[in-house]
């Protein structure tokens, strides 16, 4: 084989290899995108179901308890400001 033939064969192998890598990467991106869409739809359905079946947070505290919590928060924020 001459050096010209070797060079052409090397170019041919390079183009084939680069094309295969390009096609593989495009397929990989497509699969990742497809999985992302499927998982987003699945999580939306699950979150809707969780919201629908969620129980209330608990009993509402009385006015004295709320006042004590509010006073504690004001005191805490006052100490942090110094």
C-alpha atoms as a PDB file:
ATOM      1  CA  UNK A   1       0.000   0.000   0.000  1.00  0.00           C
ATOM      2  CA  UNK A   2       1.151   3.481  -0.717  1.00  0.00           C
ATOM      3  CA  UNK A   3       1.142   6.277   1.781  1.00  0.00           C
ATOM      4  CA  UNK A   4      -1.785   7.923  -0.057  1.00  0.00           C
ATOM      5  CA  UNK A   5      -3.886   4.794   0.271  1.00  0.00           C
ATOM      6  CA  UNK A   6      -3.011   4.484   3.953  1.00  0.00           C
ATOM      7  CA  UNK A   7      -3.994   8.107   4.502  1.00  0.00           C
ATOM      8  CA  UNK A   8      -7.337   7.630   2.770  1.00  0.00           C
ATOM      9  CA  UNK A   9      -8.038   4.459   4.757  1.00  0.00           C
ATOM     10  CA  UNK A  10      -7.189   6.305   7.976  1.00  0.00           C
ATOM     11  CA  UNK A  11      -9.557   9.143   7.042  1.00  0.00           C
ATOM     12  CA  UNK A  12     -12.285   6.636   6.221  1.00  0.00           C
ATOM     13  CA  UNK A  13     -11.871   4.885   9.575  1.00  0.00           C
ATOM     14  CA  UNK A  14     -11.846   8.228  11.362  1.00  0.00           C
ATOM     15  CA  UNK A  15     -15.087   9.351   9.696  1.00  0.00           C
ATOM     16  CA  UNK A  16     -16.784   6.018  10.414  1.00  0.00           C
ATOM     17  CA  UNK A  17     -15.689   6.135  14.052  1.00  0.00           C
ATOM     18  CA  UNK A  18     -16.752   9.739  14.532  1.00  0.00           C
ATOM     19  CA  UNK A  19     -20.102   9.047  12.875  1.00  0.00           C
ATOM     20  CA  UNK A  20     -20.751   6.067  15.132  1.00  0.00           C
ATOM     21  CA  UNK A  21     -19.897   8.088  18.234  1.00  0.00           C
ATOM     22  CA  UNK A  22     -22.152  10.929  17.050  1.00  0.00           C
ATOM     23  CA  UNK A  23     -25.083   8.561  16.443  1.00  0.00           C
ATOM     24  CA  UNK A  24     -24.520   6.898  19.825  1.00  0.00           C
ATOM     25  CA  UNK A  25     -24.514  10.252  21.620  1.00  0.00           C
ATOM     26  CA  UNK A  26     -27.685  11.384  19.823  1.00  0.00           C
ATOM     27  CA  UNK A  27     -29.419   8.136  20.828  1.00  0.00           C
ATOM     28  CA  UNK A  28     -28.194   8.543  24.407  1.00  0.00           C
ATOM     29  CA  UNK A  29     -29.533  12.106  24.599  1.00  0.00           C
ATOM     30  CA  UNK A  30     -32.863  10.936  23.157  1.00  0.00           C
ATOM     31  CA  UNK A  31     -33.151   8.126  25.715  1.00  0.00           C
ATOM     32  CA  UNK A  32     -32.315  10.464  28.599  1.00  0.00           C
ATOM     33  CA  UNK A  33     -34.924  12.957  27.390  1.00  0.00           C
ATOM     34  CA  UNK A  34     -37.541  10.204  27.048  1.00  0.00           C
ATOM     35  CA  UNK A  35     -36.827   8.888  30.555  1.00  0.00           C
ATOM     36  CA  UNK A  36     -37.036  12.452  31.906  1.00  0.00           C
ATOM     37  CA  UNK A  37     -40.477  12.975  30.346  1.00  0.00           C
ATOM     38  CA  UNK A  38     -41.763   9.630  31.638  1.00  0.00           C
ATOM     39  CA  UNK A  39     -40.481  10.298  35.166  1.00  0.00           C
ATOM     40  CA  UNK A  40     -41.934  13.815  35.238  1.00  0.00           C
ATOM     41  CA  UNK A  41     -45.351  12.479  34.285  1.00  0.00           C
ATOM     42  CA  UNK A  42     -45.094   9.710  36.881  1.00  0.00           C
ATOM     43  CA  UNK A  43     -44.078  12.089  39.667  1.00  0.00           C
ATOM     44  CA  UNK A  44     -46.890  14.509  38.801  1.00  0.00           C
ATOM     45  CA  UNK A  45     -49.433  11.697  39.151  1.00  0.00           C
ATOM     46  CA  UNK A  46     -47.863  10.586  42.443  1.00  0.00           C
ATOM     47  CA  UNK A  47     -47.784  14.107  43.884  1.00  0.00           C
ATOM     48  CA  UNK A  48     -51.423  14.674  42.941  1.00  0.00           C
ATOM     49  CA  UNK A  49     -52.328  11.417  44.668  1.00  0.00           C
ATOM     50  CA  UNK A  50     -50.314  12.379  47.765  1.00  0.00           C
ATOM     51  CA  UNK A  51     -51.990  15.779  48.002  1.00  0.00           C
ATOM     52  CA  UNK A  52     -55.416  14.186  47.641  1.00  0.00           C
ATOM     53  CA  UNK A  53     -54.756  11.653  50.417  1.00  0.00           C
ATOM     54  CA  UNK A  54     -52.857  13.949  52.798  1.00  0.00           C
ATOM     55  CA  UNK A  55     -54.339  14.220  56.255  1.00  0.00           C
ATOM     56  CA  UNK A  56     -54.649  17.543  58.062  1.00  0.00           C
ATOM     57  CA  UNK A  57     -51.533  18.864  59.793  1.00  0.00           C
ATOM     58  CA  UNK A  58     -52.997  18.419  63.250  1.00  0.00           C
ATOM     59  CA  UNK A  59     -55.025  20.352  65.765  1.00  0.00           C
ATOM     60  CA  UNK A  60     -54.817  24.134  65.642  1.00  0.00           C
ATOM     61  CA  UNK A  61     -53.160  25.528  68.794  1.00  0.00           C
ATOM     62  CA  UNK A  62     -55.181  27.809  71.010  1.00  0.00           C
ATOM     63  CA  UNK A  63     -54.620  31.566  71.279  1.00  0.00           C
ATOM     64  CA  UNK A  64     -52.381  31.341  74.389  1.00  0.00           C
ATOM     65  CA  UNK A  65     -50.061  28.846  72.695  1.00  0.00           C
ATOM     66  CA  UNK A  66     -49.860  30.995  69.552  1.00  0.00           C
ATOM     67  CA  UNK A  67     -49.047  34.069  71.672  1.00  0.00           C
ATOM     68  CA  UNK A  68     -46.278  32.168  73.481  1.00  0.00           C
ATOM     69  CA  UNK A  69     -44.793  30.988  70.186  1.00  0.00           C
ATOM     70  CA  UNK A  70     -44.924  34.499  68.760  1.00  0.00           C
ATOM     71  CA  UNK A  71     -43.244  35.970  71.860  1.00  0.00           C
ATOM     72  CA  UNK A  72     -40.508  33.340  71.707  1.00  0.00           C
ATOM     73  CA  UNK A  73     -39.869  34.113  68.040  1.00  0.00           C
ATOM     74  CA  UNK A  74     -39.670  37.851  68.696  1.00  0.00           C
ATOM     75  CA  UNK A  75     -37.264  37.247  71.563  1.00  0.00           C
ATOM     76  CA  UNK A  76     -35.135  34.913  69.434  1.00  0.00           C
ATOM     77  CA  UNK A  77     -34.956  37.394  66.554  1.00  0.00           C
ATOM     78  CA  UNK A  78     -34.083  40.157  69.004  1.00  0.00           C
ATOM     79  CA  UNK A  79     -31.067  38.217  70.286  1.00  0.00           C
ATOM     80  CA  UNK A  80     -29.857  37.455  66.758  1.00  0.00           C
ATOM     81  CA  UNK A  81     -29.950  41.118  65.723  1.00  0.00           C
ATOM     82  CA  UNK A  82     -27.351  42.124  68.323  1.00  0.00           C
END
